[in-house]
């Protein structure tokens, strides 16, 4: 897999994690909340899943895989 796919996944995870401030703000008053983080994180995660799926489908099998002796 290309390195950018991994970085895209990490970015999506970080944005989605930022959205957890919404839950933490119920227990810790004054905890910062970024409502857009959940929306962006969810969309970016979905895009990452689609890209990863396409790359896995287009991947060439390694030499010798699926051959029997």
PDB file of N, CA and C in Angstrom:
ATOM      1  N   UNK A   1       0.836  -1.185   0.000  1.00  0.00           N
ATOM      2  CA  UNK A   1       0.000   0.000   0.000  1.00  0.00           C
ATOM      3  C   UNK A   1       0.880   1.247   0.000  1.00  0.00           C
ATOM      4  N   UNK A   2       0.444   2.264  -0.681  1.00  0.00           N
ATOM      5  CA  UNK A   2       1.184   3.527  -0.652  1.00  0.00           C
ATOM      6  C   UNK A   2       1.134   4.158   0.746  1.00  0.00           C
ATOM      7  N   UNK A   3       2.167   4.891   1.063  1.00  0.00           N
ATOM      8  CA  UNK A   3       2.258   5.516   2.395  1.00  0.00           C
ATOM      9  C   UNK A   3       1.140   6.526   2.622  1.00  0.00           C
ATOM     10  N   UNK A   4       0.679   7.187   1.570  1.00  0.00           N
ATOM     11  CA  UNK A   4      -0.345   8.216   1.750  1.00  0.00           C
ATOM     12  C   UNK A   4      -1.660   7.622   2.240  1.00  0.00           C
ATOM     13  N   UNK A   5      -1.897   6.338   1.953  1.00  0.00           N
ATOM     14  CA  UNK A   5      -3.121   5.692   2.433  1.00  0.00           C
ATOM     15  C   UNK A   5      -3.073   5.570   3.959  1.00  0.00           C
ATOM     16  N   UNK A   6      -1.924   5.239   4.472  1.00  0.00           N
ATOM     17  CA  UNK A   6      -1.760   5.162   5.921  1.00  0.00           C
ATOM     18  C   UNK A   6      -1.910   6.520   6.586  1.00  0.00           C
ATOM     19  N   UNK A   7      -1.318   7.542   5.975  1.00  0.00           N
ATOM     20  CA  UNK A   7      -1.428   8.897   6.529  1.00  0.00           C
ATOM     21  C   UNK A   7      -2.866   9.399   6.486  1.00  0.00           C
ATOM     22  N   UNK A   8      -3.580   9.051   5.418  1.00  0.00           N
ATOM     23  CA  UNK A   8      -4.984   9.442   5.319  1.00  0.00           C
ATOM     24  C   UNK A   8      -5.810   8.779   6.422  1.00  0.00           C
ATOM     25  N   UNK A   9      -5.525   7.527   6.699  1.00  0.00           N
ATOM     26  CA  UNK A   9      -6.203   6.820   7.781  1.00  0.00           C
ATOM     27  C   UNK A   9      -5.903   7.419   9.142  1.00  0.00           C
ATOM     28  N   UNK A  10      -4.656   7.805   9.360  1.00  0.00           N
ATOM     29  CA  UNK A  10      -4.283   8.441  10.628  1.00  0.00           C
ATOM     30  C   UNK A  10      -4.952   9.805  10.790  1.00  0.00           C
ATOM     31  N   UNK A  11      -5.029  10.550   9.702  1.00  0.00           N
ATOM     32  CA  UNK A  11      -5.689  11.854   9.755  1.00  0.00           C
ATOM     33  C   UNK A  11      -7.176  11.693  10.056  1.00  0.00           C
ATOM     34  N   UNK A  12      -7.802  10.738   9.412  1.00  0.00           N
ATOM     35  CA  UNK A  12      -9.226  10.485   9.667  1.00  0.00           C
ATOM     36  C   UNK A  12      -9.444  10.073  11.121  1.00  0.00           C
ATOM     37  N   UNK A  13      -8.562   9.239  11.642  1.00  0.00           N
ATOM     38  CA  UNK A  13      -8.685   8.804  13.032  1.00  0.00           C
ATOM     39  C   UNK A  13      -8.506   9.969  13.991  1.00  0.00           C
ATOM     40  N   UNK A  14      -7.546  10.842  13.708  1.00  0.00           N
ATOM     41  CA  UNK A  14      -7.308  12.000  14.574  1.00  0.00           C
ATOM     42  C   UNK A  14      -8.507  12.941  14.569  1.00  0.00           C
ATOM     43  N   UNK A  15      -9.072  13.188  13.405  1.00  0.00           N
ATOM     44  CA  UNK A  15     -10.249  14.055  13.338  1.00  0.00           C
ATOM     45  C   UNK A  15     -11.439  13.436  14.058  1.00  0.00           C
ATOM     46  N   UNK A  16     -11.596  12.146  13.910  1.00  0.00           N
ATOM     47  CA  UNK A  16     -12.698  11.464  14.583  1.00  0.00           C
ATOM     48  C   UNK A  16     -12.490  11.475  16.093  1.00  0.00           C
ATOM     49  N   UNK A  17     -11.239  11.376  16.530  1.00  0.00           N
ATOM     50  CA  UNK A  17     -10.924  11.426  17.958  1.00  0.00           C
ATOM     51  C   UNK A  17     -11.233  12.796  18.542  1.00  0.00           C
ATOM     52  N   UNK A  18     -11.018  13.846  17.765  1.00  0.00           N
ATOM     53  CA  UNK A  18     -11.332  15.197  18.216  1.00  0.00           C
ATOM     54  C   UNK A  18     -12.813  15.314  18.565  1.00  0.00           C
ATOM     55  N   UNK A  19     -13.639  14.592  17.859  1.00  0.00           N
ATOM     56  CA  UNK A  19     -15.078  14.626  18.112  1.00  0.00           C
ATOM     57  C   UNK A  19     -15.434  14.023  19.477  1.00  0.00           C
ATOM     58  N   UNK A  20     -14.557  13.232  20.053  1.00  0.00           N
ATOM     59  CA  UNK A  20     -14.844  12.631  21.350  1.00  0.00           C
ATOM     60  C   UNK A  20     -14.905  13.680  22.457  1.00  0.00           C
ATOM     61  N   UNK A  21     -14.469  14.885  22.150  1.00  0.00           N
ATOM     62  CA  UNK A  21     -14.604  15.981  23.104  1.00  0.00           C
ATOM     63  C   UNK A  21     -16.053  16.244  23.458  1.00  0.00           C
ATOM     64  N   UNK A  22     -16.956  15.908  22.561  1.00  0.00           N
ATOM     65  CA  UNK A  22     -18.382  16.071  22.822  1.00  0.00           C
ATOM     66  C   UNK A  22     -18.813  15.193  24.001  1.00  0.00           C
ATOM     67  N   UNK A  23     -18.285  13.987  24.055  1.00  0.00           N
ATOM     68  CA  UNK A  23     -18.597  13.076  25.154  1.00  0.00           C
ATOM     69  C   UNK A  23     -17.882  13.526  26.427  1.00  0.00           C
ATOM     70  N   UNK A  24     -16.621  13.905  26.296  1.00  0.00           N
ATOM     71  CA  UNK A  24     -15.856  14.329  27.465  1.00  0.00           C
ATOM     72  C   UNK A  24     -16.402  15.609  28.089  1.00  0.00           C
ATOM     73  N   UNK A  25     -17.011  16.447  27.275  1.00  0.00           N
ATOM     74  CA  UNK A  25     -17.524  17.710  27.812  1.00  0.00           C
ATOM     75  C   UNK A  25     -18.689  17.490  28.773  1.00  0.00           C
ATOM     76  N   UNK A  26     -19.342  16.333  28.704  1.00  0.00           N
ATOM     77  CA  UNK A  26     -20.413  16.048  29.657  1.00  0.00           C
ATOM     78  C   UNK A  26     -19.854  15.725  31.038  1.00  0.00           C
ATOM     79  N   UNK A  27     -18.633  15.197  31.086  1.00  0.00           N
ATOM     80  CA  UNK A  27     -18.022  14.843  32.367  1.00  0.00           C
ATOM     81  C   UNK A  27     -17.074  15.922  32.869  1.00  0.00           C
ATOM     82  N   UNK A  28     -16.407  16.618  31.944  1.00  0.00           N
ATOM     83  CA  UNK A  28     -15.434  17.655  32.314  1.00  0.00           C
ATOM     84  C   UNK A  28     -15.953  18.983  31.788  1.00  0.00           C
ATOM     85  N   UNK A  29     -16.398  19.820  32.696  1.00  0.00           N
ATOM     86  CA  UNK A  29     -16.940  21.111  32.241  1.00  0.00           C
ATOM     87  C   UNK A  29     -15.833  21.965  31.644  1.00  0.00           C
ATOM     88  N   UNK A  30     -16.155  22.628  30.563  1.00  0.00           N
ATOM     89  CA  UNK A  30     -15.186  23.491  29.900  1.00  0.00           C
ATOM     90  C   UNK A  30     -14.285  22.777  28.919  1.00  0.00           C
ATOM     91  N   UNK A  31     -14.490  21.463  28.724  1.00  0.00           N
ATOM     92  CA  UNK A  31     -13.671  20.733  27.766  1.00  0.00           C
ATOM     93  C   UNK A  31     -14.012  21.217  26.363  1.00  0.00           C
ATOM     94  N   UNK A  32     -13.000  21.513  25.534  1.00  0.00           N
ATOM     95  CA  UNK A  32     -13.285  22.072  24.206  1.00  0.00           C
ATOM     96  C   UNK A  32     -13.982  21.064  23.293  1.00  0.00           C
ATOM     97  N   UNK A  33     -14.952  21.550  22.535  1.00  0.00           N
ATOM     98  CA  UNK A  33     -15.714  20.705  21.615  1.00  0.00           C
ATOM     99  C   UNK A  33     -15.634  21.322  20.220  1.00  0.00           C
ATOM    100  N   UNK A  34     -15.347  20.493  19.236  1.00  0.00           N
ATOM    101  CA  UNK A  34     -15.339  20.924  17.843  1.00  0.00           C
ATOM    102  C   UNK A  34     -16.334  20.053  17.094  1.00  0.00           C
ATOM    103  N   UNK A  35     -17.538  20.558  16.912  1.00  0.00           N
ATOM    104  CA  UNK A  35     -18.615  19.779  16.306  1.00  0.00           C
ATOM    105  C   UNK A  35     -18.291  19.341  14.884  1.00  0.00           C
ATOM    106  N   UNK A  36     -17.579  20.143  14.145  1.00  0.00           N
ATOM    107  CA  UNK A  36     -17.243  19.806  12.762  1.00  0.00           C
ATOM    108  C   UNK A  36     -16.269  18.627  12.684  1.00  0.00           C
ATOM    109  N   UNK A  37     -15.552  18.361  13.775  1.00  0.00           N
ATOM    110  CA  UNK A  37     -14.592  17.260  13.790  1.00  0.00           C
ATOM    111  C   UNK A  37     -15.235  15.913  13.522  1.00  0.00           C
ATOM    112  N   UNK A  38     -16.411  15.684  14.071  1.00  0.00           N
ATOM    113  CA  UNK A  38     -17.101  14.415  13.851  1.00  0.00           C
ATOM    114  C   UNK A  38     -17.544  14.247  12.415  1.00  0.00           C
ATOM    115  N   UNK A  39     -18.078  15.299  11.839  1.00  0.00           N
ATOM    116  CA  UNK A  39     -18.523  15.239  10.449  1.00  0.00           C
ATOM    117  C   UNK A  39     -17.345  15.011   9.503  1.00  0.00           C
ATOM    118  N   UNK A  40     -16.301  15.807   9.670  1.00  0.00           N
ATOM    119  CA  UNK A  40     -15.129  15.651   8.803  1.00  0.00           C
ATOM    120  C   UNK A  40     -14.451  14.304   9.016  1.00  0.00           C
ATOM    121  N   UNK A  41     -14.344  13.889  10.276  1.00  0.00           N
ATOM    122  CA  UNK A  41     -13.723  12.603  10.563  1.00  0.00           C
ATOM    123  C   UNK A  41     -14.500  11.442   9.967  1.00  0.00           C
ATOM    124  N   UNK A  42     -15.825  11.501  10.051  1.00  0.00           N
ATOM    125  CA  UNK A  42     -16.658  10.429   9.495  1.00  0.00           C
ATOM    126  C   UNK A  42     -16.541  10.365   7.975  1.00  0.00           C
ATOM    127  N   UNK A  43     -16.616  11.520   7.324  1.00  0.00           N
ATOM    128  CA  UNK A  43     -16.496  11.536   5.861  1.00  0.00           C
ATOM    129  C   UNK A  43     -15.112  11.097   5.403  1.00  0.00           C
ATOM    130  N   UNK A  44     -14.088  11.576   6.095  1.00  0.00           N
ATOM    131  CA  UNK A  44     -12.727  11.198   5.706  1.00  0.00           C
ATOM    132  C   UNK A  44     -12.485   9.717   5.941  1.00  0.00           C
ATOM    133  N   UNK A  45     -13.063   9.166   7.012  1.00  0.00           N
ATOM    134  CA  UNK A  45     -12.919   7.744   7.285  1.00  0.00           C
ATOM    135  C   UNK A  45     -13.609   6.922   6.199  1.00  0.00           C
ATOM    136  N   UNK A  46     -14.796   7.362   5.767  1.00  0.00           N
ATOM    137  CA  UNK A  46     -15.512   6.660   4.697  1.00  0.00           C
ATOM    138  C   UNK A  46     -14.726   6.717   3.388  1.00  0.00           C
ATOM    139  N   UNK A  47     -14.145   7.869   3.088  1.00  0.00           N
ATOM    140  CA  UNK A  47     -13.324   8.003   1.877  1.00  0.00           C
ATOM    141  C   UNK A  47     -12.109   7.092   1.971  1.00  0.00           C
ATOM    142  N   UNK A  48     -11.499   7.040   3.157  1.00  0.00           N
ATOM    143  CA  UNK A  48     -10.335   6.183   3.361  1.00  0.00           C
ATOM    144  C   UNK A  48     -10.707   4.714   3.142  1.00  0.00           C
ATOM    145  N   UNK A  49     -11.866   4.300   3.652  1.00  0.00           N
ATOM    146  CA  UNK A  49     -12.300   2.921   3.451  1.00  0.00           C
ATOM    147  C   UNK A  49     -12.510   2.604   1.968  1.00  0.00           C
ATOM    148  N   UNK A  50     -13.112   3.538   1.246  1.00  0.00           N
ATOM    149  CA  UNK A  50     -13.317   3.329  -0.193  1.00  0.00           C
ATOM    150  C   UNK A  50     -11.988   3.231  -0.933  1.00  0.00           C
ATOM    151  N   UNK A  51     -11.063   4.139  -0.630  1.00  0.00           N
ATOM    152  CA  UNK A  51      -9.744   4.117  -1.277  1.00  0.00           C
ATOM    153  C   UNK A  51      -9.016   2.821  -0.956  1.00  0.00           C
ATOM    154  N   UNK A  52      -9.058   2.415   0.298  1.00  0.00           N
ATOM    155  CA  UNK A  52      -8.389   1.183   0.697  1.00  0.00           C
ATOM    156  C   UNK A  52      -8.993  -0.028  -0.009  1.00  0.00           C
ATOM    157  N   UNK A  53     -10.316  -0.067  -0.113  1.00  0.00           N
ATOM    158  CA  UNK A  53     -10.974  -1.168  -0.803  1.00  0.00           C
ATOM    159  C   UNK A  53     -10.608  -1.229  -2.274  1.00  0.00           C
ATOM    160  N   UNK A  54     -10.588  -0.078  -2.933  1.00  0.00           N
ATOM    161  CA  UNK A  54     -10.220  -0.040  -4.356  1.00  0.00           C
ATOM    162  C   UNK A  54      -8.778  -0.481  -4.542  1.00  0.00           C
ATOM    163  N   UNK A  55      -7.885   0.003  -3.695  1.00  0.00           N
ATOM    164  CA  UNK A  55      -6.482  -0.393  -3.817  1.00  0.00           C
ATOM    165  C   UNK A  55      -6.292  -1.882  -3.559  1.00  0.00           C
ATOM    166  N   UNK A  56      -7.042  -2.444  -2.630  1.00  0.00           N
ATOM    167  CA  UNK A  56      -6.941  -3.885  -2.392  1.00  0.00           C
ATOM    168  C   UNK A  56      -7.480  -4.684  -3.573  1.00  0.00           C
ATOM    169  N   UNK A  57      -8.533  -4.196  -4.205  1.00  0.00           N
ATOM    170  CA  UNK A  57      -9.069  -4.895  -5.374  1.00  0.00           C
ATOM    171  C   UNK A  57      -8.136  -4.810  -6.575  1.00  0.00           C
ATOM    172  N   UNK A  58      -7.432  -3.701  -6.708  1.00  0.00           N
ATOM    173  CA  UNK A  58      -6.541  -3.511  -7.851  1.00  0.00           C
ATOM    174  C   UNK A  58      -5.157  -4.113  -7.635  1.00  0.00           C
ATOM    175  N   UNK A  59      -4.903  -4.559  -6.431  1.00  0.00           N
ATOM    176  CA  UNK A  59      -3.585  -5.098  -6.091  1.00  0.00           C
ATOM    177  C   UNK A  59      -3.328  -6.381  -6.864  1.00  0.00           C
ATOM    178  N   UNK A  60      -2.122  -6.509  -7.361  1.00  0.00           N
ATOM    179  CA  UNK A  60      -1.737  -7.726  -8.056  1.00  0.00           C
ATOM    180  C   UNK A  60      -1.327  -8.767  -7.022  1.00  0.00           C
ATOM    181  N   UNK A  61      -1.738 -10.019  -7.223  1.00  0.00           N
ATOM    182  CA  UNK A  61      -1.322 -11.044  -6.265  1.00  0.00           C
ATOM    183  C   UNK A  61       0.185 -11.316  -6.392  1.00  0.00           C
ATOM    184  N   UNK A  62       0.776 -11.693  -5.304  1.00  0.00           N
ATOM    185  CA  UNK A  62       2.202 -12.013  -5.311  1.00  0.00           C
ATOM    186  C   UNK A  62       2.438 -13.245  -6.176  1.00  0.00           C
ATOM    187  N   UNK A  63       3.647 -13.377  -6.689  1.00  0.00           N
ATOM    188  CA  UNK A  63       3.993 -14.511  -7.538  1.00  0.00           C
ATOM    189  C   UNK A  63       3.874 -15.802  -6.720  1.00  0.00           C
ATOM    190  N   UNK A  64       3.178 -16.754  -7.274  1.00  0.00           N
ATOM    191  CA  UNK A  64       3.043 -18.048  -6.598  1.00  0.00           C
ATOM    192  C   UNK A  64       1.807 -18.159  -5.734  1.00  0.00           C
ATOM    193  N   UNK A  65       1.110 -17.082  -5.517  1.00  0.00           N
ATOM    194  CA  UNK A  65      -0.081 -17.147  -4.675  1.00  0.00           C
ATOM    195  C   UNK A  65      -1.222 -17.755  -5.487  1.00  0.00           C
ATOM    196  N   UNK A  66      -1.883 -18.718  -4.919  1.00  0.00           N
ATOM    197  CA  UNK A  66      -3.003 -19.356  -5.590  1.00  0.00           C
ATOM    198  C   UNK A  66      -2.615 -20.477  -6.536  1.00  0.00           C
ATOM    199  N   UNK A  67      -1.349 -20.779  -6.623  1.00  0.00           N
ATOM    200  CA  UNK A  67      -0.927 -21.883  -7.485  1.00  0.00           C
ATOM    201  C   UNK A  67      -0.672 -23.101  -6.617  1.00  0.00           C
ATOM    202  N   UNK A  68      -1.130 -24.231  -7.104  1.00  0.00           N
ATOM    203  CA  UNK A  68      -0.904 -25.473  -6.368  1.00  0.00           C
ATOM    204  C   UNK A  68       0.164 -26.291  -7.074  1.00  0.00           C
ATOM    205  N   UNK A  69       0.810 -27.128  -6.312  1.00  0.00           N
ATOM    206  CA  UNK A  69       1.869 -27.962  -6.888  1.00  0.00           C
ATOM    207  C   UNK A  69       1.345 -29.284  -7.296  1.00  0.00           C
TER     208      UNK A  69
END
